[in-house]
């Protein structure tokens, strides 16, 4: 767990699973894979096995020992709903999140249908705990169907990460969605982001009364292009977050 992060929309990260496999164009320049693979083969390093999927049961209880409330990005270095993560292990992660109710947890996936199926099995027809936020990535029009899977998920809070935004997303039905994050790609080989793509996302959020957060323009470094969109920073959070402040 990292108490502190450069990610603008969260306070800390927690990685009970690390490693993943690429499944969409949005994964092509994955920062987590790039970081982990630097350490492959280094004896004793946490990423000795690079970005191979690795369960880390010793980390599952970490948030319970962290007493000051935080917003925690779950598995910033993996995807909890990867097909090789056993159901019982996902259960243990959710058990911890439910018990550590003083924190806010942000679970993000590209594997939207497995997440939907899991949440339905765990919570049935009722919305899950309001301090457990579940989201899906949408990098361009190809990711838009994940929004339907998310809408059909009984998550306490539902959010989209439109990042890295590598193409226009087109029309989105944001019914039942509480929050949208957008941002450009960063790092070596970062693909360009276009102003009209970002405006399209923001304007749909404004029209449908959904909180909008613009993280970055991206570039070689995350801060290269700043965060202003049309002369201002967009730092909106869902109402549940505002109530907790």
Protein backbone atom coordinates (compact mmCIF):
# COMPACT_ATOMS: atom_id res chain seq x y z
CA UNK A 1 0.00 0.00 0.00
CA UNK A 2 1.24 3.47 -0.83
CA UNK A 3 0.09 6.24 1.51
CA UNK A 4 0.28 9.00 -1.05
CA UNK A 5 0.12 9.01 -4.83
CA UNK A 6 0.53 11.32 -7.80
CA UNK A 7 -2.92 10.28 -9.06
CA UNK A 8 -5.05 13.41 -8.63
CA UNK A 9 -8.37 11.66 -7.97
CA UNK A 10 -7.29 9.42 -5.10
CA UNK A 11 -5.22 9.54 -1.89
CA UNK A 12 -3.50 6.16 -1.78
CA UNK A 13 -3.09 2.85 -3.61
CA UNK A 14 -3.54 -0.74 -2.43
CA UNK A 15 -2.36 -3.69 -4.49
CA UNK A 16 -3.43 -7.10 -3.17
CA UNK A 17 -2.88 -8.25 -6.77
CA UNK A 18 -0.14 -7.12 -9.15
CA UNK A 19 0.43 -7.91 -12.80
CA UNK A 20 -2.01 -8.23 -15.66
CA UNK A 21 -2.36 -8.95 -19.38
CA UNK A 22 -3.22 -6.48 -22.12
CA UNK A 23 -6.70 -6.79 -23.62
CA UNK A 24 -7.48 -3.45 -25.32
CA UNK A 25 -5.71 -0.67 -27.22
CA UNK A 26 -5.88 1.32 -24.01
CA UNK A 27 -3.41 -1.16 -22.48
CA UNK A 28 -0.75 -0.72 -25.16
CA UNK A 29 1.43 1.71 -23.18
CA UNK A 30 0.47 0.51 -19.69
CA UNK A 31 2.45 2.47 -17.08
CA UNK A 32 2.15 -0.35 -14.54
CA UNK A 33 3.62 -2.93 -16.91
CA UNK A 34 6.42 -0.57 -17.89
CA UNK A 35 7.31 0.02 -14.25
CA UNK A 36 7.10 -3.63 -13.18
CA UNK A 37 9.13 -5.01 -16.06
CA UNK A 38 12.08 -2.79 -15.12
CA UNK A 39 12.61 -5.06 -12.11
CA UNK A 40 12.09 -8.47 -13.69
CA UNK A 41 14.81 -10.86 -12.56
CA UNK A 42 16.01 -8.70 -9.65
CA UNK A 43 16.17 -11.13 -6.70
CA UNK A 44 14.05 -10.09 -3.74
CA UNK A 45 12.35 -7.18 -5.49
CA UNK A 46 8.52 -7.07 -5.24
CA UNK A 47 8.46 -7.20 -9.04
CA UNK A 48 11.09 -9.90 -9.44
CA UNK A 49 8.58 -11.63 -11.73
CA UNK A 50 7.88 -8.47 -13.67
CA UNK A 51 4.24 -7.94 -14.58
CA UNK A 52 3.20 -11.58 -14.26
CA UNK A 53 -0.11 -11.78 -12.39
CA UNK A 54 0.68 -12.33 -8.71
CA UNK A 55 -1.65 -12.70 -5.73
CA UNK A 56 -0.35 -11.01 -2.58
CA UNK A 57 -2.44 -12.37 0.31
CA UNK A 58 -0.19 -10.69 2.87
CA UNK A 59 -1.54 -7.33 1.66
CA UNK A 60 -5.25 -8.14 1.86
CA UNK A 61 -5.70 -6.80 5.39
CA UNK A 62 -3.64 -3.62 4.98
CA UNK A 63 -6.52 -1.09 4.86
CA UNK A 64 -7.79 -2.36 8.21
CA UNK A 65 -4.56 -1.12 9.80
CA UNK A 66 -4.79 2.29 8.18
CA UNK A 67 -6.96 4.27 10.58
CA UNK A 68 -7.12 7.72 8.98
CA UNK A 69 -9.82 7.75 6.28
CA UNK A 70 -8.49 7.77 2.73
CA UNK A 71 -9.65 7.34 -0.83
CA UNK A 72 -7.89 4.16 -1.96
CA UNK A 73 -7.38 3.10 -5.57
CA UNK A 74 -7.56 -0.71 -5.51
CA UNK A 75 -5.07 -2.58 -7.71
CA UNK A 76 -3.46 0.34 -9.48
CA UNK A 77 -0.95 -2.30 -10.68
CA UNK A 78 -3.47 -4.94 -11.80
CA UNK A 79 -7.13 -5.75 -12.47
CA UNK A 80 -9.06 -7.47 -9.69
CA UNK A 81 -11.35 -9.15 -12.24
CA UNK A 82 -8.60 -10.74 -14.30
CA UNK A 83 -9.63 -14.32 -15.18
CA UNK A 84 -6.70 -15.75 -13.20
CA UNK A 85 -7.75 -14.11 -9.91
CA UNK A 86 -9.72 -16.78 -8.00
CA UNK A 87 -13.21 -15.99 -6.76
CA UNK A 88 -12.22 -16.65 -3.15
CA UNK A 89 -9.46 -14.07 -3.43
CA UNK A 90 -11.84 -11.44 -4.81
CA UNK A 91 -14.13 -12.30 -1.89
CA UNK A 92 -11.31 -11.61 0.57
CA UNK A 93 -10.63 -8.20 -1.01
CA UNK A 94 -14.31 -7.26 -0.80
CA UNK A 95 -14.49 -8.55 2.77
CA UNK A 96 -11.72 -6.15 3.70
CA UNK A 97 -13.31 -3.23 1.86
CA UNK A 98 -16.64 -3.82 3.54
CA UNK A 99 -15.00 -4.04 6.99
CA UNK A 100 -12.83 -0.93 6.45
CA UNK A 101 -15.88 1.28 6.00
CA UNK A 102 -14.10 4.48 7.04
CA UNK A 103 -12.19 4.45 3.75
CA UNK A 104 -13.50 4.99 0.23
CA UNK A 105 -12.35 2.29 -2.22
CA UNK A 106 -12.12 2.79 -5.99
CA UNK A 107 -12.12 -0.44 -8.01
CA UNK A 108 -11.43 0.00 -11.73
CA UNK A 109 -11.54 -2.69 -14.43
CA UNK A 110 -11.55 -3.24 -18.17
CA UNK A 111 -13.21 -6.63 -17.55
CA UNK A 112 -16.66 -5.18 -17.10
CA UNK A 113 -18.87 -8.25 -17.49
CA UNK A 114 -16.99 -10.35 -14.87
CA UNK A 115 -17.28 -7.41 -12.47
CA UNK A 116 -21.00 -7.08 -13.16
CA UNK A 117 -21.54 -10.80 -12.58
CA UNK A 118 -19.54 -10.75 -9.36
CA UNK A 119 -21.38 -7.74 -7.92
CA UNK A 120 -24.74 -9.25 -8.79
CA UNK A 121 -23.80 -12.48 -7.01
CA UNK A 122 -22.55 -10.60 -3.95
CA UNK A 123 -25.20 -7.89 -3.57
CA UNK A 124 -28.20 -9.18 -5.54
CA UNK A 125 -30.67 -6.46 -6.52
CA UNK A 126 -29.45 -4.00 -3.88
CA UNK A 127 -26.74 -1.42 -4.43
CA UNK A 128 -23.48 -2.29 -2.70
CA UNK A 129 -21.90 -0.21 0.07
CA UNK A 130 -21.61 3.47 -0.82
CA UNK A 131 -17.93 3.57 0.16
CA UNK A 132 -17.02 0.99 -2.51
CA UNK A 133 -16.90 2.64 -5.91
CA UNK A 134 -16.70 0.46 -9.01
CA UNK A 135 -15.69 1.73 -12.42
CA UNK A 136 -14.78 0.72 -15.95
CA UNK A 137 -12.26 2.09 -18.43
CA UNK A 138 -13.46 3.62 -21.69
CA UNK A 139 -10.59 4.65 -23.98
CA UNK A 140 -12.58 5.24 -27.19
CA UNK A 141 -15.80 4.07 -28.85
CA UNK A 142 -14.76 0.41 -28.47
CA UNK A 143 -15.05 0.75 -24.69
CA UNK A 144 -18.54 2.27 -24.62
CA UNK A 145 -20.33 -1.13 -24.23
CA UNK A 146 -18.62 -1.46 -20.84
CA UNK A 147 -20.84 1.38 -19.64
CA UNK A 148 -23.89 -0.87 -20.03
CA UNK A 149 -22.20 -3.59 -17.99
CA UNK A 150 -21.43 -1.03 -15.29
CA UNK A 151 -24.98 0.32 -15.30
CA UNK A 152 -26.20 -3.24 -14.77
CA UNK A 153 -23.86 -3.67 -11.78
CA UNK A 154 -25.22 -3.06 -8.26
CA UNK A 155 -22.22 -0.96 -7.25
CA UNK A 156 -22.52 1.61 -4.48
CA UNK A 157 -21.05 4.27 -6.76
CA UNK A 158 -20.45 3.81 -10.50
CA UNK A 159 -17.71 5.65 -12.36
CA UNK A 160 -15.93 5.79 -15.70
CA UNK A 161 -12.23 6.28 -16.31
CA UNK A 162 -12.03 7.72 -19.82
CA UNK A 163 -8.26 7.41 -19.73
CA UNK A 164 -6.09 7.16 -21.67
CA UNK A 165 -8.46 8.89 -24.06
CA UNK A 166 -7.06 7.78 -27.42
CA UNK A 167 -10.08 8.43 -29.63
CA UNK A 168 -13.52 9.99 -29.66
CA UNK A 169 -16.00 8.10 -27.48
CA UNK A 170 -19.13 9.30 -29.25
CA UNK A 171 -22.51 9.39 -27.60
CA UNK A 172 -22.71 7.95 -24.08
CA UNK A 173 -25.79 7.14 -22.02
CA UNK A 174 -24.68 8.11 -18.51
CA UNK A 175 -27.87 7.07 -16.79
CA UNK A 176 -26.94 5.57 -13.43
CA UNK A 177 -23.31 6.74 -13.67
CA UNK A 178 -22.10 8.94 -10.82
CA UNK A 179 -18.68 10.15 -11.93
CA UNK A 180 -16.49 10.43 -15.03
CA UNK A 181 -12.70 10.89 -15.06
CA UNK A 182 -10.98 11.82 -18.31
CA UNK A 183 -7.32 12.21 -19.22
CA UNK A 184 -4.62 11.83 -21.81
CA UNK A 185 -1.91 9.20 -21.98
CA UNK A 186 1.54 9.84 -20.52
CA UNK A 187 4.97 8.27 -20.82
CA UNK A 188 7.19 7.23 -23.73
CA UNK A 189 5.19 6.95 -26.94
CA UNK A 190 2.13 8.62 -25.45
CA UNK A 191 -0.63 8.90 -28.02
CA UNK A 192 -2.07 12.39 -28.58
CA UNK A 193 -5.35 13.53 -27.10
CA UNK A 194 -7.57 15.95 -29.00
CA UNK A 195 -9.41 18.86 -27.43
CA UNK A 196 -12.70 17.97 -29.11
CA UNK A 197 -12.61 14.47 -27.60
CA UNK A 198 -12.34 15.88 -24.08
CA UNK A 199 -14.99 18.52 -24.67
CA UNK A 200 -17.33 15.83 -25.98
CA UNK A 201 -16.98 13.88 -22.72
CA UNK A 202 -17.28 16.94 -20.50
CA UNK A 203 -20.30 18.32 -22.32
CA UNK A 204 -22.14 15.01 -22.03
CA UNK A 205 -21.42 14.97 -18.29
CA UNK A 206 -22.76 18.51 -17.91
CA UNK A 207 -25.85 17.72 -19.96
CA UNK A 208 -26.59 14.56 -17.96
CA UNK A 209 -25.67 16.01 -14.55
CA UNK A 210 -22.71 13.70 -13.91
CA UNK A 211 -19.65 14.81 -11.92
CA UNK A 212 -16.64 15.38 -14.20
CA UNK A 213 -12.93 15.25 -13.31
CA UNK A 214 -10.26 16.12 -15.86
CA UNK A 215 -7.00 14.56 -14.77
CA UNK A 216 -4.42 15.62 -17.36
CA UNK A 217 -3.56 16.33 -20.99
CA UNK A 218 -0.61 13.95 -20.68
CA UNK A 219 2.49 13.74 -22.80
CA UNK A 220 5.95 12.45 -21.99
CA UNK A 221 5.18 13.12 -18.32
CA UNK A 222 1.76 13.19 -16.64
CA UNK A 223 2.09 16.90 -15.85
CA UNK A 224 3.47 17.87 -19.27
CA UNK A 225 0.29 19.47 -20.55
CA UNK A 226 -1.25 20.62 -17.29
CA UNK A 227 -4.86 20.06 -16.25
CA UNK A 228 -6.82 23.07 -17.47
CA UNK A 229 -9.68 22.55 -19.91
CA UNK A 230 -11.12 25.71 -21.46
CA UNK A 231 -9.44 27.87 -18.84
CA UNK A 232 -10.30 25.96 -15.68
CA UNK A 233 -9.61 22.78 -13.75
CA UNK A 234 -12.45 20.28 -13.46
CA UNK A 235 -12.28 18.57 -10.04
CA UNK A 236 -15.81 17.34 -9.46
CA UNK A 237 -16.50 14.24 -7.34
CA UNK A 238 -19.69 12.24 -6.77
CA UNK A 239 -22.07 13.58 -4.16
CA UNK A 240 -21.15 10.77 -1.74
CA UNK A 241 -17.56 12.04 -1.75
CA UNK A 242 -18.67 15.62 -1.11
CA UNK A 243 -20.77 14.49 1.84
CA UNK A 244 -17.74 12.80 3.39
CA UNK A 245 -15.57 15.95 3.33
